Structure formats: C-alpha cells, structure tokens
Amino acid sequence: MTSSIPAIAIGAVAAASVIREVSTKYGARRGSRTAGRPGQPGRPARAAETPAVKPVPIDRSHGDPELAVLRQAARVADWPGMEAILRPVRECGDFERLTFLIANVEDLGGDFLLKLPEQLPGDPLALSVAGARHSAWAWEARTGYRATQVSEEQFRVFHERLRVAEEYLYTAVELDPAGAAPWYTLCVTSRGLEHGVGITRRRFQAGIKRAPEHVGLHRQMLQQLCAKWGGSHEEMHAFATRTFDAAPPGSGLGELVAQAHLEHWLDLEQGPDDVYIRDAAVLKELHQAAEASVFHPAFAPTSSPYIALNTFAMAFWLADDKETAGRLFERIGDHATKAPWRYRGDPERVFAVARQDCVKKRKK
C-alpha cells in the first residue's frame, strides 16, 4: 500500500451531524433492518412518555473543557490549535482519549478537515483526523433513511468516501504502526463497506493489541456482532460478557453489557421489548456491570464518563428501575449524550422525559 494519496474532488458537506454507530431519522418506526446502514431507526416515544418537558440540549463537549477548545479550533480551521491538544495525547499513548477527541470533531471542519492530507500527507495524526472526518462525511451522504429510500448515487458517494477514509487511515497506520486511533475508524468503515465480521475482527484485534482496554474499539466490535449487522444476540452478549468478565474493577468496559441489552431491546417489537428489558435476569446483569464499572470507585475514564453513565441510565430507566437510573441522572446532570437516547426518538426530549420520570420517583 502506498502512502501517496491521490487528489480527491471535495463536494459540499451536508449540514446535519452524523453519528458513527447509529444513523437515525427521529420519528421513524423502529424495527426495520437495511444492509449498509449504521443502525435501526429510533422508536417514537409513546404518548405517556411525552409530557411537556423542556428538552435538554446534547452536550457536544461532554463537559470536557479541552474538547470544547478542540471543537472551536476545528470550527475556525486552526490545525496548530488542534495539534496542540491532540499531539500530547498521542505522545503519551492515551489512545482512548485520542479517539474520543477525534470522534467528537468529525462533524466539524468542512473542507478544512477533509483537505488535511493535501497539506500534511506525511502526518499520521492529521491523516487519522481526516480519515475520521471522511467516514462521518460518508454517512452524511448515506443519510439515515431506509436503503429503499437511498438513491444509487447516494450509495456510490457513500462508498467512495469510505474508501478514501480507509486509504488515509491505512496510510496513518503505516506511518505510525504503534498507533491505535486509525483502527477505531477502520472498524466503522468496515461496517459501512460491508467487509464482514472477519475483517472487522482483525481490525479490532489490531487496535486492542495497541490499546487493550480501549472502550471505543470494543463498542465498534459489539456493533459488528449485533443482529442488525449480520451477527446475533448470542454472539453480541457473549462478547460483552467475556469482555466484562476479563476487565479490571472500575473499567469502562462494563458499559458493553448495558449496550448489548439496549441493542437486544431495540431489535424487538413493542411489547416484547419491555418484557425483555425488565426481566429479572437482565436487571441482575445490569446491576452487576454497573457496580463493577460506573458505580465503582476506580471508574475514571480519560475519555468521558458520560457515555457510559447515559447508557446505563437509559437501560435502568427502560427496565423500570428508576431508583438506580435516578442515581445516574444525578451524576449526569445536563451532560446528555445523543447515544443511546436516539434509540427512543429525539434524544434531547427523551433524555428530559426519562430524567424527570426518574428524579420524581426518587423524591417520592
């Protein structure tokens, strides 16, 4: 593979921000599966769940001042400003945080981030950022609609941008063989290009060889094993359980158990989904994972605590354990994340409804 990258015609960047794991059109009926999309649409909230509650804005910076500065630098096309934040994180080998930072600017920058490889073709950090941006840009072209509603031209652009992303990312790997950040995005592009579980697994293993407890990489592998991506509930839960069992106390990897149950819930129709998530065995697993991760004194991720806190909060809320969910909402405050609340509909409104429901329960 060559490290020389051909020039690419850059089109207009879509205005909407696109999320890696799940591309959702809010208000769409949940339950349809289409190949080549990052997830299933969220289910509309039920009438009983839509009181007049003020939506809580998604915290794009995850309560992280450094990320807020990084996002502003991306907005004004200030690569030296971005590099001043990203380079020290790479040099100390904190790939969990590096991936977190890069993943949270991939919706910004427009042509600036897309054209970084033209300006810095030999810089693996710039190539990693550009690869992540191209991957997000691909999903913008793909949109969150069902496959039958996506044109051939949209799919062509989607795949073209993903292939460009892969070229940049593999060049970054060649230039920085010890780095783990490119492997994270390569797991995302693998799903979009439908490479299959085998290739995604090899990319995942290459990443965790360099960063064994990288939560983001494990999230990507879990997505690949979901039924919506050609896996199965059994494979997904087995992976989450094995990972959790091998993790040290306080590890953020306990989040995978909650994420797996949410994915299973998402795959079921209304009615059976509530029965599943409220099952005593499921609730027991959620408590075991939460106690060993987000409720453990050693829980202190260098990325963001709010992704795991929001994931567990939604799982306990759906499981009707509002007392435990309320404890999590108290720690979350206003730091709502788009995932996983989008699984239920408009994340800003769903989060607000769930929080009010659980906080009121705790006050009684």
Protein backbone atom coordinates (compact mmCIF):
# COMPACT_ATOMS: atom_id res chain seq x y z
CA MET A 1 0.00 0.00 0.00
CA THR A 2 1.38 3.37 -0.96
CA SER A 3 1.38 6.39 1.27
CA SER A 4 0.86 8.77 -1.66
CA ILE A 5 -2.81 9.78 -1.76
CA PRO A 6 -4.44 10.99 -4.95
CA ALA A 7 -6.27 14.29 -5.02
CA ILE A 8 -9.97 13.99 -4.33
CA ALA A 9 -12.79 16.16 -5.52
CA ILE A 10 -14.41 17.55 -2.41
CA GLY A 11 -18.17 18.07 -2.62
CA ALA A 12 -20.43 20.10 -0.41
CA VAL A 13 -20.60 18.94 3.19
CA ALA A 14 -24.09 18.13 4.47
CA ALA A 15 -25.27 20.36 7.28
CA ALA A 16 -26.51 17.59 9.52
CA SER A 17 -24.13 15.99 12.00
CA VAL A 18 -23.91 12.22 11.64
CA ILE A 19 -23.22 9.78 14.43
CA ARG A 20 -20.96 6.74 13.98
CA GLU A 21 -22.82 3.85 15.50
CA VAL A 22 -26.45 4.63 14.61
CA SER A 23 -27.87 6.89 11.94
CA THR A 24 -31.42 7.74 12.95
CA LYS A 25 -34.34 9.61 11.46
CA TYR A 26 -36.28 10.64 14.52
CA GLY A 27 -39.90 9.66 14.46
CA ALA A 28 -39.34 6.72 12.10
CA ARG A 29 -40.89 3.39 13.02
CA ARG A 30 -38.42 1.15 14.80
CA GLY A 31 -37.71 -2.38 13.72
CA SER A 32 -36.73 -2.26 10.03
CA ARG A 33 -33.33 -3.58 9.01
CA THR A 34 -31.41 -2.47 5.97
CA ALA A 35 -27.96 -3.54 4.91
CA GLY A 36 -25.29 -0.88 4.78
CA ARG A 37 -26.68 1.48 7.39
CA PRO A 38 -25.23 2.13 10.83
CA GLY A 39 -28.32 1.09 12.76
CA GLN A 40 -32.05 0.96 13.11
CA PRO A 41 -34.32 3.97 13.38
CA GLY A 42 -35.46 5.00 16.81
CA ARG A 43 -38.93 4.26 18.02
CA PRO A 44 -41.28 7.21 18.59
CA ALA A 45 -41.91 7.87 22.25
CA ARG A 46 -45.28 6.62 23.46
CA ALA A 47 -47.95 9.12 24.35
CA ALA A 48 -47.45 8.54 28.07
CA GLU A 49 -43.79 9.43 27.67
CA THR A 50 -44.26 12.81 26.00
CA PRO A 51 -45.33 15.30 28.68
CA ALA A 52 -44.47 18.98 28.36
CA VAL A 53 -40.83 18.71 29.38
CA LYS A 54 -38.18 21.14 28.20
CA PRO A 55 -35.64 19.25 26.05
CA VAL A 56 -32.09 19.02 27.39
CA PRO A 57 -29.54 20.08 24.74
CA ILE A 58 -26.99 17.44 23.84
CA ASP A 59 -23.63 18.29 25.39
CA ARG A 60 -21.35 18.16 22.35
CA SER A 61 -18.28 18.73 24.51
CA HIS A 62 -19.18 16.08 27.13
CA GLY A 63 -18.39 18.57 29.89
CA ASP A 64 -14.75 18.47 28.76
CA PRO A 65 -13.09 21.92 28.52
CA GLU A 66 -10.26 20.60 26.37
CA LEU A 67 -12.70 19.09 23.89
CA ALA A 68 -14.59 22.41 23.79
CA VAL A 69 -11.36 24.17 22.81
CA LEU A 70 -10.59 21.49 20.22
CA ARG A 71 -14.03 21.84 18.65
CA GLN A 72 -13.62 25.59 18.43
CA ALA A 73 -10.23 25.18 16.76
CA ALA A 74 -11.82 22.84 14.20
CA ARG A 75 -14.57 25.37 13.52
CA VAL A 76 -12.06 28.12 12.68
CA ALA A 77 -9.71 25.82 10.69
CA ASP A 78 -6.89 26.11 13.22
CA TRP A 79 -4.80 22.95 12.80
CA PRO A 80 -1.94 24.16 15.07
CA GLY A 81 -4.54 24.74 17.78
CA MET A 82 -5.95 21.25 17.28
CA GLU A 83 -2.50 19.71 17.14
CA ALA A 84 -1.53 21.38 20.43
CA ILE A 85 -4.27 19.35 22.10
CA LEU A 86 -4.08 16.10 20.12
CA ARG A 87 -0.29 15.65 19.82
CA PRO A 88 0.48 15.34 23.56
CA VAL A 89 -2.34 12.80 23.95
CA ARG A 90 -0.83 10.68 21.16
CA GLU A 91 2.67 11.03 22.58
CA CYS A 92 1.61 9.73 25.99
CA GLY A 93 -0.19 6.82 24.34
CA ASP A 94 -3.68 7.53 25.71
CA PHE A 95 -5.50 6.15 22.68
CA GLU A 96 -8.85 6.01 24.43
CA ARG A 97 -8.78 9.76 24.90
CA LEU A 98 -7.25 10.44 21.49
CA THR A 99 -10.04 8.52 19.77
CA PHE A 100 -12.64 10.27 21.91
CA LEU A 101 -11.29 13.69 20.94
CA ILE A 102 -11.06 12.88 17.24
CA ALA A 103 -14.52 11.30 17.16
CA ASN A 104 -16.02 14.46 18.63
CA VAL A 105 -14.71 16.81 15.95
CA GLU A 106 -15.52 14.63 12.94
CA ASP A 107 -18.81 16.51 12.46
CA LEU A 108 -16.94 19.82 12.13
CA GLY A 109 -14.43 21.48 9.91
CA GLY A 110 -15.97 21.11 6.47
CA ASP A 111 -13.32 21.30 3.77
CA PHE A 112 -10.67 22.10 6.36
CA LEU A 113 -10.55 18.61 7.88
CA LEU A 114 -11.18 16.92 4.54
CA LYS A 115 -8.17 18.62 2.97
CA LEU A 116 -5.68 18.00 5.77
CA PRO A 117 -4.00 15.15 3.81
CA GLU A 118 -3.22 17.53 0.96
CA GLN A 119 -1.41 19.84 3.38
CA LEU A 120 0.13 17.23 5.69
CA PRO A 121 0.46 13.98 3.68
CA GLY A 122 3.15 12.59 5.99
CA ASP A 123 1.47 13.33 9.32
CA PRO A 124 -0.33 10.27 10.75
CA LEU A 125 -2.23 12.38 13.26
CA ALA A 126 -3.64 14.64 10.54
CA LEU A 127 -4.45 11.58 8.43
CA SER A 128 -6.27 9.96 11.34
CA VAL A 129 -8.39 13.07 11.82
CA ALA A 130 -9.09 13.35 8.08
CA GLY A 131 -9.98 9.67 7.89
CA ALA A 132 -12.50 10.05 10.70
CA ARG A 133 -13.97 13.13 9.04
CA HIS A 134 -14.28 11.34 5.68
CA SER A 135 -16.03 8.44 7.40
CA ALA A 136 -18.56 10.80 9.01
CA TRP A 137 -18.92 12.64 5.69
CA ALA A 138 -19.77 9.32 4.05
CA TRP A 139 -22.63 8.72 6.48
CA GLU A 140 -23.88 12.23 5.74
CA ALA A 141 -24.24 11.23 2.09
CA ARG A 142 -25.84 7.91 3.04
CA THR A 143 -28.37 9.56 5.41
CA GLY A 144 -30.39 7.65 8.00
CA TYR A 145 -33.21 6.66 5.66
CA ARG A 146 -34.01 3.06 4.81
CA ALA A 147 -32.00 1.55 1.98
CA THR A 148 -35.01 1.62 -0.34
CA GLN A 149 -35.15 5.40 0.13
CA VAL A 150 -31.46 5.97 -0.61
CA SER A 151 -30.54 6.51 -4.25
CA GLU A 152 -27.84 4.66 -6.15
CA GLU A 153 -25.94 7.92 -6.38
CA GLN A 154 -26.04 8.37 -2.60
CA PHE A 155 -24.70 4.84 -2.14
CA ARG A 156 -21.99 5.49 -4.70
CA VAL A 157 -20.84 8.63 -2.88
CA PHE A 158 -21.15 6.84 0.48
CA HIS A 159 -18.84 4.01 -0.58
CA GLU A 160 -16.44 6.33 -2.39
CA ARG A 161 -15.94 8.47 0.71
CA LEU A 162 -15.49 5.42 2.91
CA ARG A 163 -12.79 4.08 0.59
CA VAL A 164 -10.98 7.42 0.74
CA ALA A 165 -11.23 7.30 4.53
CA GLU A 166 -9.68 3.84 4.53
CA GLU A 167 -6.80 4.99 2.34
CA TYR A 168 -5.97 7.81 4.70
CA LEU A 169 -6.32 5.60 7.76
CA TYR A 170 -4.12 2.82 6.41
CA THR A 171 -1.50 5.39 5.49
CA ALA A 172 -1.65 6.64 9.08
CA VAL A 173 -1.11 3.05 10.24
CA GLU A 174 1.95 2.74 8.00
CA LEU A 175 3.41 5.99 9.30
CA ASP A 176 2.61 5.28 12.96
CA PRO A 177 2.46 1.48 13.43
CA ALA A 178 2.12 1.76 17.21
CA GLY A 179 -0.98 3.97 16.99
CA ALA A 180 -4.45 2.64 17.78
CA ALA A 181 -6.65 5.57 16.71
CA PRO A 182 -6.88 4.68 12.98
CA TRP A 183 -8.05 1.17 13.82
CA TYR A 184 -11.12 2.56 15.57
CA THR A 185 -12.35 4.32 12.44
CA LEU A 186 -11.34 1.37 10.26
CA CYS A 187 -13.83 -0.73 12.25
CA VAL A 188 -16.52 1.84 11.40
CA THR A 189 -15.67 1.93 7.70
CA SER A 190 -15.58 -1.87 7.65
CA ARG A 191 -19.26 -1.98 8.54
CA GLY A 192 -20.18 0.69 6.02
CA LEU A 193 -18.38 -1.15 3.23
CA GLU A 194 -19.84 -4.45 4.44
CA HIS A 195 -16.47 -6.15 4.72
CA GLY A 196 -17.93 -8.64 7.18
CA VAL A 197 -17.21 -9.73 10.72
CA GLY A 198 -13.87 -11.37 9.88
CA ILE A 199 -12.22 -8.20 8.60
CA THR A 200 -13.75 -6.07 11.33
CA ARG A 201 -12.49 -8.51 13.95
CA ARG A 202 -8.96 -8.37 12.55
CA ARG A 203 -9.05 -4.57 12.67
CA PHE A 204 -10.43 -4.67 16.21
CA GLN A 205 -7.69 -7.05 17.31
CA ALA A 206 -5.04 -4.82 15.73
CA GLY A 207 -6.44 -1.93 17.72
CA ILE A 208 -6.67 -3.63 21.11
CA LYS A 209 -3.17 -5.05 20.64
CA ARG A 210 -2.07 -1.43 20.95
CA ALA A 211 -4.74 -0.38 23.48
CA PRO A 212 -6.16 -3.46 25.28
CA GLU A 213 -8.87 -1.68 27.29
CA HIS A 214 -9.94 0.75 24.58
CA VAL A 215 -13.69 1.06 25.21
CA GLY A 216 -14.42 2.70 21.85
CA LEU A 217 -12.85 -0.16 19.92
CA HIS A 218 -14.90 -2.66 21.92
CA ARG A 219 -18.05 -0.65 21.17
CA GLN A 220 -17.30 -0.95 17.46
CA MET A 221 -16.81 -4.71 17.68
CA LEU A 222 -20.05 -5.05 19.62
CA GLN A 223 -21.87 -3.18 16.84
CA GLN A 224 -20.46 -5.55 14.24
CA LEU A 225 -21.80 -8.51 16.23
CA CYS A 226 -25.31 -7.05 16.52
CA ALA A 227 -28.13 -8.80 14.68
CA LYS A 228 -28.67 -5.65 12.59
CA TRP A 229 -25.18 -6.09 11.15
CA GLY A 230 -25.49 -9.80 10.42
CA GLY A 231 -24.48 -11.05 13.86
CA SER A 232 -26.75 -12.44 16.53
CA HIS A 233 -27.93 -11.67 20.03
CA GLU A 234 -25.96 -14.68 21.26
CA GLU A 235 -22.67 -13.53 19.70
CA MET A 236 -23.20 -9.97 20.92
CA HIS A 237 -24.00 -10.92 24.52
CA ALA A 238 -21.16 -13.46 24.62
CA PHE A 239 -18.68 -10.80 23.51
CA ALA A 240 -19.97 -8.28 26.05
CA THR A 241 -19.87 -10.83 28.87
CA ARG A 242 -16.38 -12.10 28.04
CA THR A 243 -15.06 -8.55 27.85
CA PHE A 244 -16.70 -7.54 31.12
CA ASP A 245 -15.50 -10.66 32.95
CA ALA A 246 -11.90 -10.01 31.90
CA ALA A 247 -11.95 -6.30 32.75
CA PRO A 248 -10.47 -4.94 35.98
CA PRO A 249 -12.76 -3.32 38.58
CA GLY A 250 -13.75 0.19 37.57
CA SER A 251 -13.17 -0.42 33.87
CA GLY A 252 -15.42 1.38 31.44
CA LEU A 253 -15.85 -1.91 29.58
CA GLY A 254 -18.80 -2.76 31.82
CA GLU A 255 -20.76 -0.41 29.57
CA LEU A 256 -20.80 -3.13 26.89
CA VAL A 257 -23.21 -5.22 28.97
CA ALA A 258 -25.71 -2.38 29.09
CA GLN A 259 -25.18 -1.57 25.41
CA ALA A 260 -25.81 -5.19 24.43
CA HIS A 261 -29.10 -5.26 26.32
CA LEU A 262 -30.16 -2.00 24.69
CA GLU A 263 -29.35 -3.40 21.24
CA HIS A 264 -31.36 -6.53 22.04
CA TRP A 265 -34.26 -4.38 23.26
CA LEU A 266 -34.05 -2.28 20.09
CA ASP A 267 -34.34 -5.37 17.90
CA LEU A 268 -37.67 -6.42 19.46
CA GLU A 269 -41.16 -5.19 18.70
CA GLN A 270 -43.10 -3.04 21.12
CA GLY A 271 -44.39 -5.19 23.94
CA PRO A 272 -41.78 -7.97 23.86
CA ASP A 273 -39.09 -5.29 24.21
CA ASP A 274 -40.43 -4.21 27.62
CA VAL A 275 -40.75 -7.83 28.75
CA TYR A 276 -37.14 -8.44 27.77
CA ILE A 277 -35.50 -5.39 29.34
CA ARG A 278 -37.47 -5.81 32.58
CA ASP A 279 -36.61 -9.46 33.01
CA ALA A 280 -35.06 -10.20 36.41
CA ALA A 281 -32.00 -11.86 34.84
CA VAL A 282 -31.35 -8.85 32.60
CA LEU A 283 -31.73 -6.44 35.51
CA LYS A 284 -29.31 -8.54 37.57
CA GLU A 285 -26.69 -8.35 34.80
CA LEU A 286 -27.16 -4.60 34.52
CA HIS A 287 -26.60 -4.17 38.24
CA GLN A 288 -23.50 -6.39 38.24
CA ALA A 289 -22.00 -4.44 35.34
CA ALA A 290 -22.87 -1.06 36.83
CA GLU A 291 -21.44 -1.90 40.25
CA ALA A 292 -18.17 -3.03 38.66
CA SER A 293 -17.90 -0.01 36.37
CA VAL A 294 -19.80 3.27 36.70
CA PHE A 295 -20.55 2.81 40.43
CA HIS A 296 -17.06 1.53 41.26
CA PRO A 297 -14.66 3.97 42.99
CA ALA A 298 -12.00 3.27 40.36
CA PHE A 299 -14.20 4.34 37.45
CA ALA A 300 -12.33 7.28 35.90
CA PRO A 301 -12.16 7.09 32.08
CA THR A 302 -9.79 9.52 30.38
CA SER A 303 -12.30 9.96 27.58
CA SER A 304 -15.68 10.83 29.09
CA PRO A 305 -17.72 9.26 31.89
CA TYR A 306 -20.96 10.50 30.37
CA ILE A 307 -21.21 7.97 27.54
CA ALA A 308 -21.34 5.06 29.99
CA LEU A 309 -23.49 6.95 32.50
CA ASN A 310 -26.09 7.77 29.85
CA THR A 311 -26.05 4.20 28.53
CA PHE A 312 -26.70 2.69 31.95
CA ALA A 313 -29.27 5.39 32.77
CA MET A 314 -31.36 4.52 29.73
CA ALA A 315 -31.07 0.78 30.38
CA PHE A 316 -32.23 1.11 34.00
CA TRP A 317 -34.99 3.53 33.02
CA LEU A 318 -36.35 1.11 30.42
CA ALA A 319 -36.01 -1.71 32.96
CA ASP A 320 -38.25 0.35 35.28
CA ASP A 321 -35.51 0.59 37.91
CA LYS A 322 -36.00 4.31 38.32
CA GLU A 323 -34.17 4.44 41.64
CA THR A 324 -30.89 3.29 40.06
CA ALA A 325 -31.46 5.38 36.95
CA GLY A 326 -32.08 8.39 39.19
CA ARG A 327 -28.69 7.94 40.85
CA LEU A 328 -27.12 8.03 37.40
CA PHE A 329 -29.09 11.09 36.30
CA GLU A 330 -27.81 12.94 39.36
CA ARG A 331 -24.25 12.29 38.18
CA ILE A 332 -25.05 13.11 34.56
CA GLY A 333 -26.59 16.48 35.29
CA ASP A 334 -27.11 18.25 31.97
CA HIS A 335 -24.44 16.25 30.13
CA ALA A 336 -26.82 14.35 27.87
CA THR A 337 -25.31 12.33 25.03
CA LYS A 338 -27.01 11.58 21.74
CA ALA A 339 -26.42 7.85 22.11
CA PRO A 340 -28.29 5.87 23.29
CA TRP A 341 -31.30 8.18 23.74
CA ARG A 342 -31.78 8.41 19.98
CA TYR A 343 -32.89 4.78 20.09
CA ARG A 344 -36.16 6.07 21.57
CA GLY A 345 -36.62 9.15 19.39
CA ASP A 346 -35.45 12.76 19.69
CA PRO A 347 -32.59 12.34 22.19
CA GLU A 348 -32.91 15.78 23.76
CA ARG A 349 -36.58 15.20 24.56
CA VAL A 350 -36.27 11.52 25.51
CA PHE A 351 -33.46 12.29 27.94
CA ALA A 352 -35.50 15.07 29.54
CA VAL A 353 -38.59 12.86 29.92
CA ALA A 354 -36.59 9.96 31.36
CA ARG A 355 -34.74 12.18 33.81
CA GLN A 356 -37.89 13.82 35.07
CA ASP A 357 -39.56 10.42 35.42
CA CYS A 358 -36.69 9.03 37.50
CA VAL A 359 -36.00 12.13 39.59
CA LYS A 360 -39.67 12.39 40.52
CA LYS A 361 -39.62 8.73 41.52
CA ARG A 362 -36.63 9.28 43.81
CA LYS A 363 -38.27 12.28 45.50
CA LYS A 364 -41.34 10.30 46.50
